[in-house]
Amino acid sequence: MRQNFGSHEESIMKVSDILRVKGNTLYTVTPEDPVAMAVQIMAEKDIGSLVVMERGEMVGLLTFREVILTVVKNGGAIGSAQVRASMDDHPLTCTSETELDEVRRMMLDRHARYLPVLDKKMLMGVISFYDVAKAVVESQNFENKMLKAYIRDWPAGDESGES
């Protein structure tokens, strides 16, 4: 007797699976905020990115990569730069329905560590490369446990592997 662990479609992970586990806490700044303030928020909250919002819409993303570029441009200091001058104003985005395999390809191709999740123009969250890697490892661990349970519970006397 073979056990069915679900169809292939049921096992396809999507961005919505990460957001469901991660929760919906979002940290944002405006384009006019000083980069120094943004860096302070990133340090206090131990996060690597901030979504830049203006009039209820995402207009950019500020990550530690853009902060470092700003510091280098300013001779080793953050200075009085505003977020608008430092942010990525065309960040790579995805939707909550994007499959994780596609997200991994997108992030690797563009060297993106953070991906805002938009449904139409509504910001749903931000996922990181770490979030994606963690979800994949947890999925593989679950699949591994299921396969081990399946092998352990193999019907006695059925040496051929056929049911």
N, C-alpha and C. Protein backbone atom coordinates (compact mmCIF):
# COMPACT_ATOMS: atom_id res chain seq x y z
N MET A 1 0.85 -1.18 0.00
CA MET A 1 0.00 0.00 0.00
C MET A 1 0.90 1.25 0.00
N ARG A 2 0.69 2.10 -0.95
CA ARG A 2 1.49 3.33 -1.04
C ARG A 2 0.75 4.48 -0.39
N GLN A 3 1.52 5.30 0.30
CA GLN A 3 0.92 6.49 0.90
C GLN A 3 1.11 7.65 -0.06
N ASN A 4 0.11 8.51 -0.13
CA ASN A 4 0.21 9.69 -0.97
C ASN A 4 0.42 10.89 -0.06
N PHE A 5 1.55 11.56 -0.22
CA PHE A 5 1.86 12.72 0.62
C PHE A 5 1.36 14.00 0.01
N GLY A 6 0.55 13.91 -1.01
CA GLY A 6 0.01 15.11 -1.65
C GLY A 6 0.54 15.24 -3.05
N SER A 7 -0.21 15.95 -3.84
CA SER A 7 0.19 16.15 -5.22
C SER A 7 1.36 17.13 -5.28
N HIS A 8 2.01 17.16 -6.44
CA HIS A 8 3.14 18.06 -6.64
C HIS A 8 2.72 19.51 -6.42
N GLU A 9 1.52 19.87 -6.86
CA GLU A 9 1.06 21.26 -6.72
C GLU A 9 0.92 21.67 -5.26
N GLU A 10 0.54 20.71 -4.40
CA GLU A 10 0.39 21.04 -2.98
C GLU A 10 1.73 21.35 -2.33
N SER A 11 2.81 20.81 -2.87
CA SER A 11 4.11 20.98 -2.25
C SER A 11 4.86 22.20 -2.77
N ILE A 12 4.33 22.89 -3.76
CA ILE A 12 5.00 24.08 -4.28
C ILE A 12 4.85 25.21 -3.28
N MET A 13 5.98 25.69 -2.79
CA MET A 13 5.94 26.77 -1.81
C MET A 13 5.87 28.11 -2.51
N LYS A 14 5.12 29.02 -1.90
CA LYS A 14 4.96 30.37 -2.44
C LYS A 14 5.37 31.39 -1.39
N VAL A 15 5.54 32.62 -1.84
CA VAL A 15 5.91 33.71 -0.95
C VAL A 15 4.90 33.85 0.19
N SER A 16 3.64 33.60 -0.09
CA SER A 16 2.60 33.70 0.95
C SER A 16 2.89 32.76 2.12
N ASP A 17 3.53 31.61 1.86
CA ASP A 17 3.89 30.68 2.94
C ASP A 17 4.91 31.30 3.88
N ILE A 18 5.87 32.05 3.32
CA ILE A 18 6.87 32.73 4.16
C ILE A 18 6.21 33.85 4.96
N LEU A 19 5.38 34.65 4.29
CA LEU A 19 4.74 35.78 4.98
C LEU A 19 3.84 35.30 6.12
N ARG A 20 3.18 34.17 5.92
CA ARG A 20 2.28 33.63 6.96
C ARG A 20 3.08 33.30 8.22
N VAL A 21 4.27 32.73 8.06
CA VAL A 21 5.11 32.36 9.20
C VAL A 21 5.81 33.58 9.78
N LYS A 22 6.26 34.46 8.90
CA LYS A 22 7.07 35.61 9.31
C LYS A 22 6.25 36.67 10.04
N GLY A 23 4.99 36.78 9.73
CA GLY A 23 4.19 37.83 10.34
C GLY A 23 4.18 39.07 9.46
N ASN A 24 3.55 40.12 9.93
CA ASN A 24 3.35 41.28 9.07
C ASN A 24 3.91 42.58 9.64
N THR A 25 4.95 42.51 10.45
CA THR A 25 5.59 43.72 10.95
C THR A 25 6.46 44.30 9.85
N LEU A 26 6.21 45.55 9.52
CA LEU A 26 6.97 46.24 8.47
C LEU A 26 7.54 47.53 9.02
N TYR A 27 8.76 47.82 8.64
CA TYR A 27 9.38 49.09 9.03
C TYR A 27 9.58 49.91 7.78
N THR A 28 9.17 51.16 7.85
CA THR A 28 9.23 52.03 6.68
C THR A 28 9.85 53.37 7.04
N VAL A 29 10.30 54.06 6.00
CA VAL A 29 10.77 55.44 6.10
C VAL A 29 10.20 56.20 4.91
N THR A 30 10.36 57.51 4.95
CA THR A 30 9.94 58.33 3.81
C THR A 30 11.18 58.77 3.05
N PRO A 31 11.02 59.21 1.81
CA PRO A 31 12.18 59.67 1.04
C PRO A 31 12.90 60.86 1.67
N GLU A 32 12.17 61.67 2.45
CA GLU A 32 12.76 62.86 3.06
C GLU A 32 13.49 62.57 4.36
N ASP A 33 13.31 61.39 4.93
CA ASP A 33 13.99 61.06 6.19
C ASP A 33 15.50 61.02 5.98
N PRO A 34 16.25 61.41 7.01
CA PRO A 34 17.71 61.32 6.91
C PRO A 34 18.16 59.85 6.91
N VAL A 35 19.18 59.55 6.13
CA VAL A 35 19.73 58.19 6.11
C VAL A 35 20.20 57.79 7.51
N ALA A 36 20.73 58.75 8.26
CA ALA A 36 21.20 58.47 9.62
C ALA A 36 20.08 57.91 10.49
N MET A 37 18.88 58.46 10.36
CA MET A 37 17.74 57.96 11.11
C MET A 37 17.37 56.54 10.64
N ALA A 38 17.41 56.32 9.34
CA ALA A 38 17.09 55.00 8.79
C ALA A 38 18.08 53.95 9.31
N VAL A 39 19.36 54.31 9.34
CA VAL A 39 20.38 53.39 9.83
C VAL A 39 20.14 53.07 11.30
N GLN A 40 19.73 54.08 12.07
CA GLN A 40 19.44 53.85 13.50
C GLN A 40 18.29 52.85 13.65
N ILE A 41 17.24 52.99 12.85
CA ILE A 41 16.10 52.05 12.89
C ILE A 41 16.58 50.64 12.52
N MET A 42 17.38 50.56 11.45
CA MET A 42 17.86 49.25 11.01
C MET A 42 18.69 48.58 12.11
N ALA A 43 19.53 49.35 12.80
CA ALA A 43 20.35 48.80 13.87
C ALA A 43 19.50 48.38 15.07
N GLU A 44 18.56 49.23 15.48
CA GLU A 44 17.71 48.94 16.64
C GLU A 44 16.83 47.72 16.41
N LYS A 45 16.31 47.60 15.20
CA LYS A 45 15.37 46.50 14.89
C LYS A 45 16.09 45.27 14.34
N ASP A 46 17.41 45.37 14.14
CA ASP A 46 18.22 44.28 13.59
C ASP A 46 17.64 43.79 12.26
N ILE A 47 17.44 44.76 11.36
CA ILE A 47 16.90 44.46 10.03
C ILE A 47 17.85 45.02 8.97
N GLY A 48 17.79 44.46 7.79
CA GLY A 48 18.70 44.86 6.74
C GLY A 48 18.08 45.72 5.67
N SER A 49 16.77 46.01 5.81
CA SER A 49 16.12 46.84 4.79
C SER A 49 14.96 47.61 5.38
N LEU A 50 14.67 48.72 4.72
CA LEU A 50 13.49 49.53 5.06
C LEU A 50 12.77 49.85 3.76
N VAL A 51 11.47 49.73 3.78
CA VAL A 51 10.67 50.11 2.62
C VAL A 51 10.47 51.61 2.66
N VAL A 52 10.66 52.26 1.53
CA VAL A 52 10.49 53.70 1.44
C VAL A 52 9.09 53.96 0.89
N MET A 53 8.27 54.64 1.71
CA MET A 53 6.87 54.89 1.36
C MET A 53 6.61 56.38 1.21
N GLU A 54 5.77 56.71 0.22
CA GLU A 54 5.35 58.08 0.02
C GLU A 54 3.89 58.06 -0.41
N ARG A 55 3.05 58.79 0.32
CA ARG A 55 1.61 58.85 0.04
C ARG A 55 0.99 57.44 -0.09
N GLY A 56 1.39 56.56 0.81
CA GLY A 56 0.79 55.22 0.85
C GLY A 56 1.30 54.24 -0.19
N GLU A 57 2.29 54.63 -0.98
CA GLU A 57 2.83 53.72 -1.99
C GLU A 57 4.32 53.53 -1.79
N MET A 58 4.80 52.33 -2.13
CA MET A 58 6.22 52.07 -2.07
C MET A 58 6.92 52.80 -3.22
N VAL A 59 7.94 53.58 -2.87
CA VAL A 59 8.70 54.31 -3.90
C VAL A 59 10.16 53.86 -3.94
N GLY A 60 10.54 52.97 -3.03
CA GLY A 60 11.91 52.49 -3.03
C GLY A 60 12.20 51.55 -1.89
N LEU A 61 13.45 51.12 -1.85
CA LEU A 61 13.92 50.22 -0.80
C LEU A 61 15.31 50.68 -0.39
N LEU A 62 15.55 50.76 0.90
CA LEU A 62 16.86 51.11 1.42
C LEU A 62 17.41 49.89 2.14
N THR A 63 18.55 49.40 1.68
CA THR A 63 19.20 48.26 2.33
C THR A 63 20.57 48.69 2.79
N PHE A 64 21.23 47.82 3.55
CA PHE A 64 22.57 48.16 4.01
C PHE A 64 23.52 48.37 2.83
N ARG A 65 23.23 47.77 1.68
CA ARG A 65 24.07 47.98 0.48
C ARG A 65 24.05 49.45 0.06
N GLU A 66 22.85 50.05 -0.01
CA GLU A 66 22.74 51.46 -0.38
C GLU A 66 23.35 52.36 0.69
N VAL A 67 23.22 51.97 1.95
CA VAL A 67 23.81 52.76 3.04
C VAL A 67 25.33 52.78 2.89
N ILE A 68 25.93 51.63 2.62
CA ILE A 68 27.39 51.56 2.46
C ILE A 68 27.83 52.42 1.27
N LEU A 69 27.11 52.37 0.17
CA LEU A 69 27.45 53.20 -0.99
C LEU A 69 27.39 54.68 -0.64
N THR A 70 26.39 55.06 0.17
CA THR A 70 26.27 56.46 0.60
C THR A 70 27.45 56.86 1.47
N VAL A 71 27.84 55.99 2.39
CA VAL A 71 28.97 56.27 3.27
C VAL A 71 30.25 56.44 2.45
N VAL A 72 30.47 55.58 1.48
CA VAL A 72 31.66 55.68 0.63
C VAL A 72 31.64 56.98 -0.17
N LYS A 73 30.46 57.31 -0.73
CA LYS A 73 30.32 58.53 -1.53
C LYS A 73 30.60 59.78 -0.70
N ASN A 74 30.28 59.71 0.61
CA ASN A 74 30.45 60.85 1.51
C ASN A 74 31.78 60.79 2.27
N GLY A 75 32.74 60.05 1.74
CA GLY A 75 34.07 60.02 2.37
C GLY A 75 34.11 59.35 3.72
N GLY A 76 33.27 58.38 3.95
CA GLY A 76 33.29 57.62 5.20
C GLY A 76 32.27 58.05 6.23
N ALA A 77 31.40 58.98 5.88
CA ALA A 77 30.36 59.45 6.81
C ALA A 77 29.00 59.36 6.15
N ILE A 78 27.98 59.21 6.97
CA ILE A 78 26.62 59.21 6.43
C ILE A 78 26.25 60.61 5.98
N GLY A 79 26.70 61.58 6.75
CA GLY A 79 26.41 62.96 6.40
C GLY A 79 24.94 63.29 6.57
N SER A 80 24.47 64.23 5.81
CA SER A 80 23.08 64.68 5.94
C SER A 80 22.21 64.15 4.80
N ALA A 81 22.66 63.08 4.16
CA ALA A 81 21.93 62.53 3.02
C ALA A 81 20.50 62.13 3.40
N GLN A 82 19.60 62.37 2.48
CA GLN A 82 18.23 61.90 2.65
C GLN A 82 18.08 60.52 2.01
N VAL A 83 17.09 59.80 2.49
CA VAL A 83 16.82 58.45 1.98
C VAL A 83 16.64 58.48 0.46
N ARG A 84 15.96 59.50 -0.06
CA ARG A 84 15.70 59.59 -1.51
C ARG A 84 16.98 59.48 -2.33
N ALA A 85 18.07 60.08 -1.84
CA ALA A 85 19.33 60.09 -2.58
C ALA A 85 20.05 58.74 -2.50
N SER A 86 19.70 57.92 -1.54
CA SER A 86 20.40 56.66 -1.32
C SER A 86 19.61 55.43 -1.74
N MET A 87 18.31 55.51 -1.72
CA MET A 87 17.46 54.32 -1.92
C MET A 87 17.54 53.77 -3.34
N ASP A 88 17.17 52.51 -3.46
CA ASP A 88 16.98 51.88 -4.76
C ASP A 88 15.54 52.22 -5.16
N ASP A 89 15.38 53.05 -6.20
CA ASP A 89 14.02 53.48 -6.56
C ASP A 89 13.33 52.54 -7.54
N HIS A 90 13.99 51.46 -7.90
CA HIS A 90 13.36 50.42 -8.74
C HIS A 90 13.73 49.03 -8.20
N PRO A 91 13.34 48.74 -6.95
CA PRO A 91 13.73 47.44 -6.40
C PRO A 91 12.98 46.29 -7.09
N LEU A 92 13.63 45.17 -7.12
CA LEU A 92 13.00 43.94 -7.59
C LEU A 92 11.87 43.60 -6.63
N THR A 93 10.71 43.22 -7.15
CA THR A 93 9.57 42.87 -6.29
C THR A 93 8.98 41.54 -6.74
N CYS A 94 8.11 41.01 -5.91
CA CYS A 94 7.36 39.80 -6.26
C CYS A 94 5.96 39.94 -5.68
N THR A 95 5.12 38.94 -5.92
CA THR A 95 3.78 38.91 -5.32
C THR A 95 3.72 37.78 -4.32
N SER A 96 2.66 37.72 -3.54
CA SER A 96 2.52 36.64 -2.56
C SER A 96 2.29 35.29 -3.25
N GLU A 97 1.92 35.31 -4.52
CA GLU A 97 1.70 34.06 -5.27
C GLU A 97 2.93 33.59 -6.02
N THR A 98 4.03 34.35 -5.98
CA THR A 98 5.25 33.93 -6.67
C THR A 98 5.80 32.68 -5.99
N GLU A 99 6.18 31.70 -6.80
CA GLU A 99 6.74 30.45 -6.27
C GLU A 99 8.17 30.69 -5.78
N LEU A 100 8.56 29.97 -4.72
CA LEU A 100 9.88 30.18 -4.13
C LEU A 100 11.01 29.85 -5.09
N ASP A 101 10.82 28.87 -5.96
CA ASP A 101 11.88 28.58 -6.94
C ASP A 101 12.14 29.79 -7.81
N GLU A 102 11.09 30.50 -8.21
CA GLU A 102 11.24 31.71 -9.02
C GLU A 102 11.89 32.83 -8.21
N VAL A 103 11.51 32.96 -6.95
CA VAL A 103 12.09 33.98 -6.07
C VAL A 103 13.60 33.74 -5.92
N ARG A 104 13.98 32.48 -5.73
CA ARG A 104 15.42 32.17 -5.60
C ARG A 104 16.17 32.56 -6.86
N ARG A 105 15.60 32.23 -8.02
CA ARG A 105 16.25 32.61 -9.28
C ARG A 105 16.36 34.13 -9.40
N MET A 106 15.27 34.84 -9.09
CA MET A 106 15.27 36.30 -9.18
C MET A 106 16.35 36.91 -8.27
N MET A 107 16.39 36.44 -7.03
CA MET A 107 17.33 36.99 -6.06
C MET A 107 18.77 36.70 -6.46
N LEU A 108 19.02 35.50 -6.94
CA LEU A 108 20.38 35.15 -7.36
C LEU A 108 20.80 35.93 -8.60
N ASP A 109 19.90 36.03 -9.58
CA ASP A 109 20.23 36.74 -10.82
C ASP A 109 20.56 38.21 -10.57
N ARG A 110 19.82 38.83 -9.64
CA ARG A 110 20.00 40.27 -9.40
C ARG A 110 20.81 40.59 -8.14
N HIS A 111 21.32 39.55 -7.48
CA HIS A 111 22.08 39.73 -6.23
C HIS A 111 21.24 40.49 -5.20
N ALA A 112 19.95 40.22 -5.19
CA ALA A 112 19.02 40.91 -4.27
C ALA A 112 18.90 40.13 -2.97
N ARG A 113 19.09 40.80 -1.87
CA ARG A 113 18.96 40.15 -0.56
C ARG A 113 17.57 40.37 0.04
N TYR A 114 16.86 41.37 -0.46
CA TYR A 114 15.54 41.70 0.07
C TYR A 114 14.58 41.92 -1.09
N LEU A 115 13.35 41.46 -0.91
CA LEU A 115 12.35 41.56 -1.97
C LEU A 115 11.03 42.03 -1.38
N PRO A 116 10.60 43.26 -1.71
CA PRO A 116 9.26 43.68 -1.28
C PRO A 116 8.21 42.82 -1.98
N VAL A 117 7.17 42.51 -1.23
CA VAL A 117 6.07 41.70 -1.76
C VAL A 117 4.88 42.63 -1.98
N LEU A 118 4.47 42.77 -3.24
CA LEU A 118 3.36 43.66 -3.59
C LEU A 118 2.23 42.85 -4.22
N ASP A 119 1.02 43.15 -3.84
CA ASP A 119 -0.15 42.64 -4.54
C ASP A 119 -0.84 43.88 -5.10
N LYS A 120 -0.78 44.00 -6.39
CA LYS A 120 -1.11 45.24 -7.11
C LYS A 120 -0.14 46.29 -6.58
N LYS A 121 -0.61 47.36 -5.95
CA LYS A 121 0.34 48.34 -5.39
C LYS A 121 0.39 48.27 -3.87
N MET A 122 -0.31 47.29 -3.30
CA MET A 122 -0.36 47.14 -1.84
C MET A 122 0.85 46.36 -1.33
N LEU A 123 1.58 46.97 -0.40
CA LEU A 123 2.75 46.31 0.19
C LEU A 123 2.29 45.26 1.19
N MET A 124 2.69 44.00 0.94
CA MET A 124 2.28 42.89 1.80
C MET A 124 3.37 42.50 2.80
N GLY A 125 4.61 42.86 2.48
CA GLY A 125 5.72 42.50 3.34
C GLY A 125 7.03 42.57 2.59
N VAL A 126 8.09 42.14 3.25
CA VAL A 126 9.41 42.05 2.64
C VAL A 126 9.97 40.69 3.03
N ILE A 127 10.53 40.00 2.05
CA ILE A 127 11.19 38.74 2.37
C ILE A 127 12.68 38.89 2.08
N SER A 128 13.46 38.18 2.85
CA SER A 128 14.91 38.24 2.69
C SER A 128 15.43 36.92 2.12
N PHE A 129 16.65 36.96 1.64
CA PHE A 129 17.29 35.74 1.16
C PHE A 129 17.31 34.71 2.29
N TYR A 130 17.55 35.17 3.52
CA TYR A 130 17.53 34.29 4.70
C TYR A 130 16.16 33.62 4.85
N ASP A 131 15.08 34.40 4.72
CA ASP A 131 13.73 33.84 4.84
C ASP A 131 13.50 32.72 3.83
N VAL A 132 13.95 32.96 2.60
CA VAL A 132 13.77 31.98 1.53
C VAL A 132 14.59 30.73 1.83
N ALA A 133 15.86 30.91 2.21
CA ALA A 133 16.72 29.76 2.51
C ALA A 133 16.15 28.95 3.67
N LYS A 134 15.67 29.63 4.71
CA LYS A 134 15.11 28.96 5.87
C LYS A 134 13.87 28.14 5.48
N ALA A 135 13.01 28.70 4.66
CA ALA A 135 11.79 27.99 4.23
C ALA A 135 12.14 26.76 3.41
N VAL A 136 13.14 26.88 2.54
CA VAL A 136 13.55 25.73 1.72
C VAL A 136 14.12 24.63 2.60
N VAL A 137 14.99 24.98 3.54
CA VAL A 137 15.59 23.98 4.43
C VAL A 137 14.51 23.30 5.28
N GLU A 138 13.58 24.08 5.82
CA GLU A 138 12.50 23.49 6.63
C GLU A 138 11.64 22.56 5.79
N SER A 139 11.37 22.93 4.56
CA SER A 139 10.58 22.08 3.66
C SER A 139 11.32 20.78 3.37
N GLN A 140 12.63 20.89 3.12
CA GLN A 140 13.42 19.69 2.85
C GLN A 140 13.51 18.80 4.09
N ASN A 141 13.63 19.39 5.28
CA ASN A 141 13.65 18.60 6.51
C ASN A 141 12.33 17.85 6.69
N PHE A 142 11.21 18.52 6.42
CA PHE A 142 9.90 17.88 6.54
C PHE A 142 9.79 16.72 5.56
N GLU A 143 10.18 16.97 4.31
CA GLU A 143 10.12 15.93 3.28
C GLU A 143 11.01 14.75 3.66
N ASN A 144 12.18 15.04 4.20
CA ASN A 144 13.10 14.00 4.65
C ASN A 144 12.47 13.14 5.75
N LYS A 145 11.83 13.79 6.72
CA LYS A 145 11.15 13.05 7.80
C LYS A 145 10.03 12.18 7.26
N MET A 146 9.27 12.71 6.31
CA MET A 146 8.16 11.95 5.73
C MET A 146 8.70 10.73 4.97
N LEU A 147 9.77 10.91 4.22
CA LEU A 147 10.36 9.78 3.48
C LEU A 147 10.90 8.73 4.43
N LYS A 148 11.54 9.17 5.52
CA LYS A 148 12.06 8.22 6.50
C LYS A 148 10.92 7.45 7.18
N ALA A 149 9.83 8.14 7.48
CA ALA A 149 8.67 7.47 8.08
C ALA A 149 8.07 6.48 7.10
N TYR A 150 8.02 6.85 5.83
CA TYR A 150 7.49 5.98 4.79
C TYR A 150 8.34 4.72 4.67
N ILE A 151 9.66 4.89 4.68
CA ILE A 151 10.56 3.74 4.58
C ILE A 151 10.45 2.87 5.82
N ARG A 152 10.39 3.47 6.99
CA ARG A 152 10.29 2.73 8.25
C ARG A 152 9.00 1.92 8.32
N ASP A 153 7.93 2.47 7.74
CA ASP A 153 6.63 1.80 7.78
C ASP A 153 6.36 0.94 6.55
N TRP A 154 7.40 0.63 5.77
CA TRP A 154 7.23 -0.19 4.56
C TRP A 154 6.60 -1.52 4.96
N PRO A 155 5.60 -2.01 4.22
CA PRO A 155 4.93 -3.27 4.59
C PRO A 155 5.92 -4.43 4.65
N ALA A 156 5.82 -5.22 5.72
CA ALA A 156 6.70 -6.38 5.91
C ALA A 156 6.46 -7.39 4.81
N GLY A 157 7.53 -8.04 4.37
CA GLY A 157 7.43 -9.09 3.37
C GLY A 157 7.38 -8.56 1.95
N ASP A 158 7.38 -7.25 1.77
CA ASP A 158 7.34 -6.68 0.42
C ASP A 158 8.74 -6.17 0.09
N GLU A 159 9.61 -7.06 -0.28
CA GLU A 159 11.01 -6.73 -0.55
C GLU A 159 11.20 -6.06 -1.89
N SER A 160 10.23 -6.21 -2.81
CA SER A 160 10.40 -5.66 -4.15
C SER A 160 10.18 -4.15 -4.19
N GLY A 161 9.53 -3.61 -3.18
CA GLY A 161 9.24 -2.18 -3.18
C GLY A 161 7.97 -1.85 -3.92
N GLU A 162 7.25 -2.87 -4.39
CA GLU A 162 5.99 -2.61 -5.12
C GLU A 162 4.81 -2.96 -4.22
N SER A 163 3.76 -2.21 -4.34
CA SER A 163 2.57 -2.49 -3.55
C SER A 163 1.47 -3.02 -4.43
